[in-house]
N, C-alpha and C. Protein backbone atom coordinates (compact mmCIF):
# COMPACT_ATOMS: atom_id res chain seq x y z
N MET A 1 -69.68 84.94 -135.59
CA MET A 1 -68.63 84.54 -134.73
C MET A 1 -67.61 83.87 -135.54
N SER A 2 -66.44 84.49 -135.76
CA SER A 2 -65.42 83.91 -136.46
C SER A 2 -64.69 82.84 -135.70
N ASN A 3 -64.72 82.80 -134.41
CA ASN A 3 -63.93 81.87 -133.60
C ASN A 3 -64.74 80.62 -133.31
N GLN A 4 -65.60 80.20 -134.31
CA GLN A 4 -66.34 78.93 -134.15
C GLN A 4 -65.66 77.77 -134.69
N ALA A 5 -66.02 76.61 -134.19
CA ALA A 5 -65.62 75.31 -134.88
C ALA A 5 -66.70 74.43 -134.96
N LEU A 6 -66.84 73.64 -135.88
CA LEU A 6 -67.80 72.47 -136.02
C LEU A 6 -67.28 71.23 -135.48
N VAL A 7 -67.94 70.72 -134.48
CA VAL A 7 -67.55 69.35 -133.94
C VAL A 7 -68.64 68.27 -134.27
N ILE A 8 -68.16 67.33 -135.12
CA ILE A 8 -69.04 66.25 -135.53
C ILE A 8 -68.64 65.06 -134.72
N VAL A 9 -69.71 64.55 -133.94
CA VAL A 9 -69.42 63.47 -132.91
C VAL A 9 -69.78 62.16 -133.42
N ASP A 10 -68.87 61.26 -133.63
CA ASP A 10 -69.02 59.72 -133.86
C ASP A 10 -70.06 59.42 -134.98
N LEU A 11 -69.93 60.05 -136.07
CA LEU A 11 -70.94 59.76 -137.18
C LEU A 11 -70.31 58.57 -137.96
N GLN A 12 -70.20 57.32 -137.25
CA GLN A 12 -69.66 56.21 -137.79
C GLN A 12 -70.57 55.08 -138.15
N ASN A 13 -70.14 54.22 -138.96
CA ASN A 13 -71.09 53.19 -139.43
C ASN A 13 -71.73 52.31 -138.38
N ASP A 14 -70.94 51.99 -137.38
CA ASP A 14 -71.58 51.09 -136.34
C ASP A 14 -72.64 51.77 -135.54
N PHE A 15 -72.73 53.15 -135.61
CA PHE A 15 -73.87 53.80 -134.89
C PHE A 15 -74.94 54.23 -135.79
N CYS A 16 -74.87 53.69 -137.05
CA CYS A 16 -75.92 53.93 -138.08
C CYS A 16 -76.67 52.70 -138.31
N PRO A 17 -77.93 52.76 -138.92
CA PRO A 17 -78.72 51.43 -139.19
C PRO A 17 -77.76 50.50 -139.89
N GLY A 18 -77.86 49.22 -139.34
CA GLY A 18 -77.10 48.23 -139.99
C GLY A 18 -75.77 47.92 -139.04
N GLY A 19 -75.44 48.86 -138.31
CA GLY A 19 -74.21 48.78 -137.41
C GLY A 19 -74.46 48.09 -136.20
N SER A 20 -73.31 47.67 -135.50
CA SER A 20 -73.50 46.74 -134.22
C SER A 20 -74.11 47.50 -133.09
N LEU A 21 -74.16 48.92 -133.08
CA LEU A 21 -74.71 49.60 -132.02
C LEU A 21 -75.51 50.84 -132.70
N ALA A 22 -76.53 50.48 -133.49
CA ALA A 22 -77.09 51.50 -134.31
C ALA A 22 -78.01 52.35 -133.51
N VAL A 23 -77.96 53.68 -133.82
CA VAL A 23 -78.73 54.76 -133.24
C VAL A 23 -80.03 54.77 -134.17
N PRO A 24 -81.33 54.65 -133.66
CA PRO A 24 -82.35 54.72 -134.58
C PRO A 24 -82.39 56.02 -135.44
N GLY A 25 -82.37 55.98 -136.72
CA GLY A 25 -82.38 57.12 -137.58
C GLY A 25 -81.02 57.72 -137.71
N GLY A 26 -79.88 57.23 -137.17
CA GLY A 26 -78.62 57.87 -137.10
C GLY A 26 -78.12 58.34 -138.45
N ASP A 27 -78.50 57.61 -139.56
CA ASP A 27 -78.10 58.01 -140.96
C ASP A 27 -78.83 59.15 -141.40
N GLN A 28 -79.98 59.49 -140.78
CA GLN A 28 -80.99 60.51 -141.34
C GLN A 28 -80.30 61.97 -141.08
N ILE A 29 -79.35 62.10 -140.21
CA ILE A 29 -78.67 63.41 -139.91
C ILE A 29 -77.63 63.72 -140.92
N VAL A 30 -77.21 62.74 -141.73
CA VAL A 30 -75.92 62.91 -142.56
C VAL A 30 -76.18 64.24 -143.55
N PRO A 31 -77.27 64.32 -144.20
CA PRO A 31 -77.45 65.52 -145.20
C PRO A 31 -77.43 66.83 -144.33
N VAL A 32 -78.02 66.90 -143.12
CA VAL A 32 -78.02 68.01 -142.35
C VAL A 32 -76.52 68.38 -141.88
N VAL A 33 -75.76 67.37 -141.46
CA VAL A 33 -74.41 67.43 -141.08
C VAL A 33 -73.55 67.96 -142.31
N ASN A 34 -73.83 67.47 -143.53
CA ASN A 34 -73.07 67.85 -144.71
C ASN A 34 -73.38 69.32 -144.93
N ASP A 35 -74.63 69.85 -144.74
CA ASP A 35 -74.95 71.12 -144.92
C ASP A 35 -74.23 72.01 -143.89
N LEU A 36 -73.96 71.61 -142.61
CA LEU A 36 -73.21 72.31 -141.73
C LEU A 36 -71.68 72.39 -142.12
N ILE A 37 -71.25 71.26 -142.62
CA ILE A 37 -69.77 71.08 -143.12
C ILE A 37 -69.57 72.19 -144.21
N GLU A 38 -70.52 72.22 -145.16
CA GLU A 38 -70.37 73.14 -146.20
C GLU A 38 -70.41 74.60 -145.70
N LYS A 39 -71.24 74.96 -144.85
CA LYS A 39 -71.32 76.29 -144.13
C LYS A 39 -69.93 76.72 -143.51
N PHE A 40 -69.41 75.67 -142.78
CA PHE A 40 -68.09 75.96 -142.01
C PHE A 40 -67.03 75.99 -142.99
N SER A 41 -67.00 75.14 -144.02
CA SER A 41 -65.97 75.07 -145.00
C SER A 41 -65.90 76.52 -145.88
N ARG A 42 -67.12 76.89 -146.27
CA ARG A 42 -67.10 78.24 -146.94
C ARG A 42 -66.68 79.32 -146.20
N ALA A 43 -66.87 79.27 -144.83
CA ALA A 43 -66.50 80.34 -144.01
C ALA A 43 -64.97 80.19 -143.47
N GLY A 44 -64.36 79.08 -143.89
CA GLY A 44 -62.90 78.91 -143.64
C GLY A 44 -62.69 78.53 -142.16
N LEU A 45 -63.66 77.93 -141.51
CA LEU A 45 -63.63 77.62 -140.09
C LEU A 45 -63.15 76.13 -139.90
N HIS A 46 -62.69 75.87 -138.72
CA HIS A 46 -62.21 74.46 -138.45
C HIS A 46 -63.35 73.49 -138.29
N ILE A 47 -63.09 72.35 -138.71
CA ILE A 47 -64.02 71.18 -138.60
C ILE A 47 -63.31 70.03 -137.90
N PHE A 48 -63.88 69.55 -136.85
CA PHE A 48 -63.29 68.36 -136.07
C PHE A 48 -64.25 67.34 -136.18
N ALA A 49 -63.90 66.02 -136.38
CA ALA A 49 -64.77 64.91 -136.34
C ALA A 49 -64.17 63.93 -135.27
N THR A 50 -64.96 63.59 -134.24
CA THR A 50 -64.51 62.58 -133.28
C THR A 50 -64.92 61.24 -133.72
N ARG A 51 -64.28 60.17 -133.28
CA ARG A 51 -64.62 58.87 -133.42
C ARG A 51 -64.17 58.01 -132.51
N ASP A 52 -65.13 56.97 -132.00
CA ASP A 52 -64.66 55.86 -131.17
C ASP A 52 -63.73 55.05 -132.09
N TRP A 53 -62.56 54.75 -131.36
CA TRP A 53 -61.49 54.06 -132.05
C TRP A 53 -60.98 52.92 -131.11
N HIS A 54 -61.87 51.93 -130.93
CA HIS A 54 -61.65 50.91 -129.91
C HIS A 54 -60.80 49.74 -130.36
N PRO A 55 -59.93 49.29 -129.45
CA PRO A 55 -59.24 47.92 -129.64
C PRO A 55 -60.20 46.91 -129.47
N GLU A 56 -59.90 45.68 -129.97
CA GLU A 56 -60.77 44.53 -130.03
C GLU A 56 -61.24 44.14 -128.51
N ASN A 57 -60.37 44.45 -127.60
CA ASN A 57 -60.66 43.98 -126.23
C ASN A 57 -61.13 45.09 -125.28
N HIS A 58 -61.79 46.14 -125.89
CA HIS A 58 -62.15 47.37 -125.16
C HIS A 58 -63.03 47.14 -123.93
N VAL A 59 -62.84 47.90 -122.91
CA VAL A 59 -63.45 47.78 -121.65
C VAL A 59 -64.91 47.90 -121.75
N SER A 60 -65.43 48.76 -122.69
CA SER A 60 -66.81 48.94 -122.93
C SER A 60 -67.69 47.77 -123.51
N PHE A 61 -66.96 46.74 -123.95
CA PHE A 61 -67.55 45.63 -124.64
C PHE A 61 -68.07 44.65 -123.62
N LYS A 62 -69.18 44.01 -123.89
CA LYS A 62 -69.87 43.04 -123.01
C LYS A 62 -68.82 41.99 -122.51
N ALA A 63 -68.10 41.38 -123.43
CA ALA A 63 -67.17 40.48 -123.16
C ALA A 63 -66.11 40.84 -122.09
N GLN A 64 -65.91 42.11 -121.94
CA GLN A 64 -64.98 42.71 -120.89
C GLN A 64 -65.66 43.24 -119.70
N GLY A 65 -66.98 42.88 -119.60
CA GLY A 65 -67.82 43.37 -118.55
C GLY A 65 -68.46 44.69 -118.75
N GLY A 66 -68.35 45.26 -120.03
CA GLY A 66 -68.95 46.45 -120.26
C GLY A 66 -70.51 46.34 -120.72
N LEU A 67 -70.92 47.68 -121.08
CA LEU A 67 -72.45 47.67 -121.41
C LEU A 67 -72.78 47.23 -122.89
N TRP A 68 -71.78 47.34 -123.75
CA TRP A 68 -72.19 47.42 -125.23
C TRP A 68 -71.59 46.25 -126.01
N PRO A 69 -72.18 45.93 -127.12
CA PRO A 69 -71.62 44.96 -128.10
C PRO A 69 -70.37 45.54 -128.68
N PRO A 70 -69.40 44.79 -129.25
CA PRO A 70 -68.21 45.31 -129.88
C PRO A 70 -68.78 46.28 -131.00
N HIS A 71 -68.07 47.50 -131.01
CA HIS A 71 -68.42 48.50 -132.06
C HIS A 71 -67.23 49.38 -132.38
N CYS A 72 -67.17 49.93 -133.40
CA CYS A 72 -66.10 50.94 -133.83
C CYS A 72 -64.72 50.38 -133.47
N VAL A 73 -64.45 49.17 -133.87
CA VAL A 73 -63.22 48.61 -133.57
C VAL A 73 -62.16 49.04 -134.67
N GLN A 74 -61.04 49.58 -134.13
CA GLN A 74 -60.05 50.16 -135.08
C GLN A 74 -59.78 49.40 -136.35
N ASN A 75 -59.78 50.26 -137.45
CA ASN A 75 -59.60 49.67 -138.74
C ASN A 75 -60.55 48.84 -139.30
N THR A 76 -61.85 48.79 -138.83
CA THR A 76 -62.91 48.05 -139.32
C THR A 76 -63.80 49.03 -140.13
N THR A 77 -64.71 48.30 -140.92
CA THR A 77 -65.79 49.01 -141.54
C THR A 77 -66.70 49.73 -140.65
N GLY A 78 -67.02 49.03 -139.51
CA GLY A 78 -67.91 49.78 -138.55
C GLY A 78 -67.26 50.98 -137.87
N ALA A 79 -66.01 51.14 -137.94
CA ALA A 79 -65.38 52.34 -137.30
C ALA A 79 -65.18 53.48 -138.26
N ARG A 80 -65.47 53.19 -139.55
CA ARG A 80 -65.30 54.30 -140.51
C ARG A 80 -66.57 55.26 -140.47
N PHE A 81 -66.31 56.49 -140.81
CA PHE A 81 -67.30 57.39 -140.90
C PHE A 81 -68.36 57.03 -141.91
N HIS A 82 -69.59 57.43 -141.83
CA HIS A 82 -70.73 57.10 -142.69
C HIS A 82 -70.27 57.55 -144.06
N PRO A 83 -70.51 56.57 -144.98
CA PRO A 83 -70.02 56.79 -146.38
C PRO A 83 -70.47 58.09 -147.20
N ASP A 84 -71.61 58.54 -146.73
CA ASP A 84 -72.17 59.73 -147.35
C ASP A 84 -71.71 61.12 -146.60
N LEU A 85 -71.02 60.99 -145.55
CA LEU A 85 -70.48 62.08 -144.82
C LEU A 85 -69.36 62.75 -145.71
N ARG A 86 -69.52 64.07 -145.87
CA ARG A 86 -68.60 64.76 -146.91
C ARG A 86 -67.55 65.52 -146.02
N LEU A 87 -66.77 64.76 -145.36
CA LEU A 87 -65.62 65.51 -144.49
C LEU A 87 -64.57 65.99 -145.43
N PRO A 88 -64.17 67.28 -145.32
CA PRO A 88 -63.24 67.81 -146.11
C PRO A 88 -61.86 67.31 -145.67
N GLU A 89 -60.85 67.29 -146.54
CA GLU A 89 -59.44 66.83 -146.28
C GLU A 89 -58.88 67.63 -145.02
N SER A 90 -59.33 68.81 -144.89
CA SER A 90 -58.78 69.71 -143.85
C SER A 90 -59.35 69.44 -142.44
N ALA A 91 -60.36 68.58 -142.39
CA ALA A 91 -61.03 68.22 -141.13
C ALA A 91 -59.96 67.47 -140.21
N THR A 92 -59.96 67.69 -138.89
CA THR A 92 -59.21 67.13 -137.98
C THR A 92 -59.95 66.03 -137.35
N ILE A 93 -59.40 64.78 -137.36
CA ILE A 93 -59.98 63.56 -136.86
C ILE A 93 -59.50 63.39 -135.39
N ILE A 94 -60.42 63.27 -134.48
CA ILE A 94 -60.09 63.04 -133.05
C ILE A 94 -60.45 61.69 -132.61
N SER A 95 -59.53 60.74 -132.44
CA SER A 95 -59.81 59.38 -132.03
C SER A 95 -59.84 59.36 -130.40
N LYS A 96 -60.87 58.62 -129.96
CA LYS A 96 -61.19 58.58 -128.49
C LYS A 96 -61.34 57.05 -128.14
N ALA A 97 -61.14 56.85 -126.78
CA ALA A 97 -61.40 55.56 -126.29
C ALA A 97 -60.57 54.52 -127.05
N ASP A 98 -59.27 54.72 -127.25
CA ASP A 98 -58.37 53.96 -128.20
C ASP A 98 -57.41 53.05 -127.40
N SER A 99 -57.61 52.98 -126.03
CA SER A 99 -56.88 52.07 -125.33
C SER A 99 -57.77 51.05 -124.63
N PRO A 100 -57.44 49.85 -124.34
CA PRO A 100 -58.28 48.82 -123.92
C PRO A 100 -59.00 49.10 -122.52
N GLU A 101 -58.24 49.78 -121.80
CA GLU A 101 -58.80 49.93 -120.41
C GLU A 101 -59.40 51.23 -120.07
N ARG A 102 -59.74 52.11 -121.08
CA ARG A 102 -60.28 53.37 -120.74
C ARG A 102 -61.36 53.68 -121.79
N ASP A 103 -62.52 54.00 -121.33
CA ASP A 103 -63.65 54.44 -122.07
C ASP A 103 -63.69 55.88 -122.11
N ALA A 104 -64.30 56.54 -123.09
CA ALA A 104 -64.52 57.89 -123.24
C ALA A 104 -65.76 58.27 -124.06
N TYR A 105 -66.68 58.77 -123.54
CA TYR A 105 -67.83 59.24 -124.40
C TYR A 105 -67.57 60.70 -125.04
N SER A 106 -66.82 61.51 -124.31
CA SER A 106 -66.63 62.85 -124.68
C SER A 106 -65.43 62.91 -125.69
N GLY A 107 -65.52 63.73 -126.67
CA GLY A 107 -64.38 63.99 -127.65
C GLY A 107 -63.16 64.65 -126.98
N PHE A 108 -63.46 65.21 -125.70
CA PHE A 108 -62.42 65.83 -124.99
C PHE A 108 -61.54 64.85 -124.06
N GLU A 109 -62.20 63.76 -123.80
CA GLU A 109 -61.57 62.88 -122.73
C GLU A 109 -60.39 62.07 -123.33
N GLY A 110 -59.24 62.37 -122.89
CA GLY A 110 -58.07 61.68 -123.22
C GLY A 110 -57.64 61.99 -124.69
N THR A 111 -58.04 63.02 -125.21
CA THR A 111 -57.65 63.57 -126.47
C THR A 111 -56.95 64.92 -126.52
N ASN A 112 -56.58 65.44 -127.52
CA ASN A 112 -55.95 66.83 -127.57
C ASN A 112 -57.02 67.86 -128.21
N LEU A 113 -58.29 67.53 -128.24
CA LEU A 113 -59.18 68.36 -128.80
C LEU A 113 -59.26 69.79 -128.21
N ALA A 114 -59.21 69.80 -126.83
CA ALA A 114 -59.19 71.23 -126.10
C ALA A 114 -57.96 71.95 -126.47
N ALA A 115 -56.86 71.31 -126.47
CA ALA A 115 -55.52 72.05 -126.89
C ALA A 115 -55.73 72.52 -128.42
N LEU A 116 -56.25 71.72 -129.26
CA LEU A 116 -56.28 72.08 -130.68
C LEU A 116 -57.23 73.27 -130.88
N LEU A 117 -58.38 73.22 -130.18
CA LEU A 117 -59.35 74.38 -130.14
C LEU A 117 -58.71 75.71 -129.68
N LYS A 118 -57.97 75.53 -128.59
CA LYS A 118 -57.29 76.63 -127.99
C LYS A 118 -56.33 77.19 -128.98
N GLU A 119 -55.53 76.41 -129.44
CA GLU A 119 -54.44 76.77 -130.46
C GLU A 119 -55.06 77.57 -131.64
N ALA A 120 -56.21 77.08 -132.13
CA ALA A 120 -56.86 77.66 -133.29
C ALA A 120 -57.67 78.97 -132.80
N GLY A 121 -57.71 79.30 -131.59
CA GLY A 121 -58.44 80.47 -131.09
C GLY A 121 -59.83 80.36 -131.13
N VAL A 122 -60.39 79.06 -131.06
CA VAL A 122 -61.83 78.80 -131.03
C VAL A 122 -62.35 79.11 -129.66
N GLY A 123 -63.50 79.79 -129.64
CA GLY A 123 -64.14 80.09 -128.41
C GLY A 123 -65.60 79.47 -128.30
N HIS A 124 -66.06 78.96 -129.35
CA HIS A 124 -67.34 78.49 -129.54
C HIS A 124 -67.41 77.29 -130.37
N ILE A 125 -68.04 76.15 -129.97
CA ILE A 125 -68.17 74.97 -130.75
C ILE A 125 -69.58 74.72 -131.12
N VAL A 126 -69.83 74.25 -132.34
CA VAL A 126 -71.20 73.87 -132.78
C VAL A 126 -71.18 72.26 -132.76
N VAL A 127 -71.95 71.58 -132.15
CA VAL A 127 -71.88 70.13 -131.97
C VAL A 127 -73.04 69.45 -132.66
N CYS A 128 -72.74 68.41 -133.39
CA CYS A 128 -73.71 67.57 -134.02
C CYS A 128 -73.24 66.09 -133.93
N GLY A 129 -74.06 65.12 -134.36
CA GLY A 129 -73.66 63.76 -134.42
C GLY A 129 -74.42 62.79 -133.58
N LEU A 130 -73.75 61.74 -133.15
CA LEU A 130 -74.37 60.57 -132.48
C LEU A 130 -73.59 60.23 -131.16
N ALA A 131 -74.22 59.89 -130.19
CA ALA A 131 -75.61 59.87 -129.90
C ALA A 131 -75.92 60.89 -128.94
N THR A 132 -77.19 61.46 -128.99
CA THR A 132 -77.56 62.62 -128.25
C THR A 132 -77.29 62.47 -126.75
N ASP A 133 -77.87 61.21 -126.24
CA ASP A 133 -77.67 60.89 -124.81
C ASP A 133 -76.49 60.33 -124.31
N TYR A 134 -75.48 60.20 -125.20
CA TYR A 134 -74.13 59.76 -124.63
C TYR A 134 -72.93 60.64 -125.13
N CYS A 135 -72.57 60.41 -126.40
CA CYS A 135 -71.30 61.19 -126.67
C CYS A 135 -71.52 62.63 -127.05
N VAL A 136 -72.73 62.87 -127.56
CA VAL A 136 -72.99 64.26 -127.96
C VAL A 136 -73.11 65.06 -126.60
N LYS A 137 -73.78 64.50 -125.59
CA LYS A 137 -74.10 65.23 -124.39
C LYS A 137 -72.69 65.47 -123.63
N ALA A 138 -71.92 64.24 -123.62
CA ALA A 138 -70.66 64.37 -122.84
C ALA A 138 -69.59 65.37 -123.56
N THR A 139 -69.63 65.33 -124.94
CA THR A 139 -68.74 66.31 -125.55
C THR A 139 -69.19 67.83 -125.44
N ALA A 140 -70.51 68.06 -125.50
CA ALA A 140 -71.01 69.44 -125.28
C ALA A 140 -70.73 69.89 -123.81
N LEU A 141 -70.97 68.96 -122.82
CA LEU A 141 -70.72 69.33 -121.55
C LEU A 141 -69.36 69.67 -121.13
N ASP A 142 -68.44 68.76 -121.74
CA ASP A 142 -67.00 69.03 -121.55
C ASP A 142 -66.48 70.33 -122.19
N GLY A 143 -67.20 70.70 -123.37
CA GLY A 143 -66.91 71.90 -123.99
C GLY A 143 -67.29 73.10 -123.08
N LEU A 144 -68.45 73.02 -122.54
CA LEU A 144 -68.84 74.02 -121.50
C LEU A 144 -67.88 74.21 -120.38
N MET A 145 -67.52 72.94 -119.81
CA MET A 145 -66.42 72.84 -118.72
C MET A 145 -65.06 73.62 -119.10
N ALA A 146 -64.75 73.41 -120.41
CA ALA A 146 -63.51 73.98 -120.81
C ALA A 146 -63.66 75.51 -121.12
N GLY A 147 -64.81 76.05 -120.86
CA GLY A 147 -65.03 77.40 -120.99
C GLY A 147 -65.41 77.92 -122.46
N LEU A 148 -65.90 76.95 -123.28
CA LEU A 148 -66.30 77.34 -124.58
C LEU A 148 -67.80 77.60 -124.57
N GLY A 149 -68.13 78.53 -125.44
CA GLY A 149 -69.55 78.56 -125.80
C GLY A 149 -70.00 77.31 -126.57
N VAL A 150 -71.21 76.80 -126.44
CA VAL A 150 -71.53 75.54 -127.11
C VAL A 150 -72.86 75.63 -127.69
N THR A 151 -73.09 75.35 -128.95
CA THR A 151 -74.44 75.20 -129.53
C THR A 151 -74.62 73.76 -130.05
N VAL A 152 -75.72 73.23 -129.65
CA VAL A 152 -76.00 71.88 -130.17
C VAL A 152 -77.19 71.87 -131.27
N VAL A 153 -76.88 71.33 -132.30
CA VAL A 153 -77.85 71.45 -133.45
C VAL A 153 -78.85 70.23 -133.43
N GLU A 154 -80.08 70.60 -132.92
CA GLU A 154 -80.90 69.59 -132.62
C GLU A 154 -81.39 68.71 -133.89
N ASP A 155 -81.48 69.21 -135.08
CA ASP A 155 -81.80 68.39 -136.22
C ASP A 155 -80.65 67.76 -136.76
N ALA A 156 -79.48 67.74 -136.10
CA ALA A 156 -78.35 67.04 -136.61
C ALA A 156 -77.69 66.20 -135.51
N ILE A 157 -78.66 65.70 -134.70
CA ILE A 157 -78.32 64.70 -133.69
C ILE A 157 -79.37 63.65 -133.55
N ARG A 158 -78.97 62.47 -133.05
CA ARG A 158 -80.01 61.44 -132.76
C ARG A 158 -79.51 60.74 -131.61
N GLY A 159 -80.51 60.23 -130.88
CA GLY A 159 -80.22 59.46 -129.54
C GLY A 159 -80.61 58.08 -129.61
N VAL A 160 -80.04 57.34 -128.61
CA VAL A 160 -80.29 55.93 -128.34
C VAL A 160 -81.53 55.69 -127.66
N ASP A 161 -81.75 56.54 -126.65
CA ASP A 161 -82.94 56.30 -125.75
C ASP A 161 -83.11 54.89 -125.12
N VAL A 162 -82.00 54.36 -124.54
CA VAL A 162 -82.08 53.15 -123.83
C VAL A 162 -83.30 53.07 -122.94
N GLN A 163 -83.47 54.24 -122.22
CA GLN A 163 -84.71 54.48 -121.45
C GLN A 163 -85.47 55.55 -122.22
N PRO A 164 -86.80 55.44 -122.42
CA PRO A 164 -87.53 56.42 -123.12
C PRO A 164 -87.35 57.84 -122.42
N GLY A 165 -87.01 58.86 -123.30
CA GLY A 165 -86.79 60.11 -122.75
C GLY A 165 -85.39 60.55 -122.49
N ASP A 166 -84.35 59.57 -122.65
CA ASP A 166 -82.96 59.91 -122.31
C ASP A 166 -82.44 61.04 -123.19
N SER A 167 -82.85 61.19 -124.42
CA SER A 167 -82.35 62.20 -125.20
C SER A 167 -82.90 63.58 -124.79
N ARG A 168 -84.18 63.60 -124.50
CA ARG A 168 -84.86 64.87 -124.06
C ARG A 168 -84.15 65.28 -122.69
N GLN A 169 -83.90 64.29 -121.87
CA GLN A 169 -83.29 64.76 -120.58
C GLN A 169 -81.81 65.19 -120.87
N ALA A 170 -81.17 64.68 -121.75
CA ALA A 170 -79.82 65.11 -122.12
C ALA A 170 -79.78 66.58 -122.64
N LEU A 171 -80.79 66.73 -123.57
CA LEU A 171 -80.87 68.20 -124.05
C LEU A 171 -81.20 69.18 -122.98
N ASP A 172 -82.17 68.69 -122.03
CA ASP A 172 -82.58 69.68 -121.03
C ASP A 172 -81.36 69.93 -120.13
N LYS A 173 -80.56 68.90 -119.87
CA LYS A 173 -79.35 69.02 -118.93
C LYS A 173 -78.34 69.98 -119.77
N LEU A 174 -78.13 69.80 -121.04
CA LEU A 174 -77.23 70.72 -121.81
C LEU A 174 -77.78 72.20 -121.82
N GLN A 175 -79.02 72.37 -121.98
CA GLN A 175 -79.53 73.66 -121.90
C GLN A 175 -79.37 74.32 -120.56
N ALA A 176 -79.64 73.52 -119.51
CA ALA A 176 -79.60 74.00 -118.07
C ALA A 176 -78.06 74.43 -117.81
N ALA A 177 -77.14 73.72 -118.42
CA ALA A 177 -75.70 74.00 -118.28
C ALA A 177 -75.14 75.16 -119.01
N GLY A 178 -75.95 75.62 -119.97
CA GLY A 178 -75.62 76.88 -120.68
C GLY A 178 -75.39 76.62 -122.20
N ALA A 179 -75.68 75.41 -122.68
CA ALA A 179 -75.55 75.19 -124.14
C ALA A 179 -76.80 75.83 -124.82
N MET A 180 -76.75 76.31 -126.03
CA MET A 180 -77.83 76.76 -126.97
C MET A 180 -78.21 75.61 -127.77
N LEU A 181 -79.54 75.51 -127.93
CA LEU A 181 -80.16 74.45 -128.87
C LEU A 181 -80.69 75.16 -130.00
N VAL A 182 -80.42 74.76 -131.23
CA VAL A 182 -80.77 75.39 -132.43
C VAL A 182 -81.14 74.33 -133.50
N GLN A 183 -81.84 74.79 -134.51
CA GLN A 183 -81.95 74.10 -135.72
C GLN A 183 -80.80 74.45 -136.64
N HIS A 184 -80.37 73.60 -137.68
CA HIS A 184 -79.25 73.75 -138.43
C HIS A 184 -79.48 75.13 -139.28
N SER A 185 -80.67 75.42 -139.60
CA SER A 185 -80.86 76.53 -140.45
C SER A 185 -80.54 77.86 -139.74
N ALA A 186 -80.42 77.84 -138.39
CA ALA A 186 -80.15 78.99 -137.54
C ALA A 186 -78.51 79.18 -137.43
N VAL A 187 -77.91 78.23 -137.96
CA VAL A 187 -76.40 78.19 -137.66
C VAL A 187 -75.78 79.06 -138.89
N SER A 188 -75.08 80.15 -138.49
CA SER A 188 -74.47 81.05 -139.49
C SER A 188 -73.07 81.22 -139.09
N PRO A 189 -72.07 80.57 -139.51
CA PRO A 189 -70.75 80.73 -139.05
C PRO A 189 -70.13 81.99 -139.68
């Protein structure tokens, strides 16, 4: 499928162990994601990396009445991509939830991701990253809503599981909506 793109969701320091909103084992997916990056780079295909890019007074933070501790605040270490992530210079960075009053779990919400994919002739996205039950789920569902084919790479995602089983339910919902679930070894761009 030559019209594929890789979408890496929020593989940022604050979502990895030691971060302010750590996903258990979040850093363990980095080598798998790097393998996907290498496959897509070798094939000359587009790579997108979404990131939370919050202002200090973001609506999602507990101090503003939100659910979460401060995380991925613009221009902080926590907002940087994981240091072992090997994003190529050609990767397109998509910043989301970057205004104080608007939250966004999906990489499509309030961004130009859909337009960039369309402009590049992409008809199918391969999604990986953090967290399965929030931003990965929302990004994959919005990709389906945009008419794209969507593959979610199960060994290249991790979930928060605020409630036990949230990640499994997210994957079930994605599969029911039409997403394919695969292991990274099955991805061949």
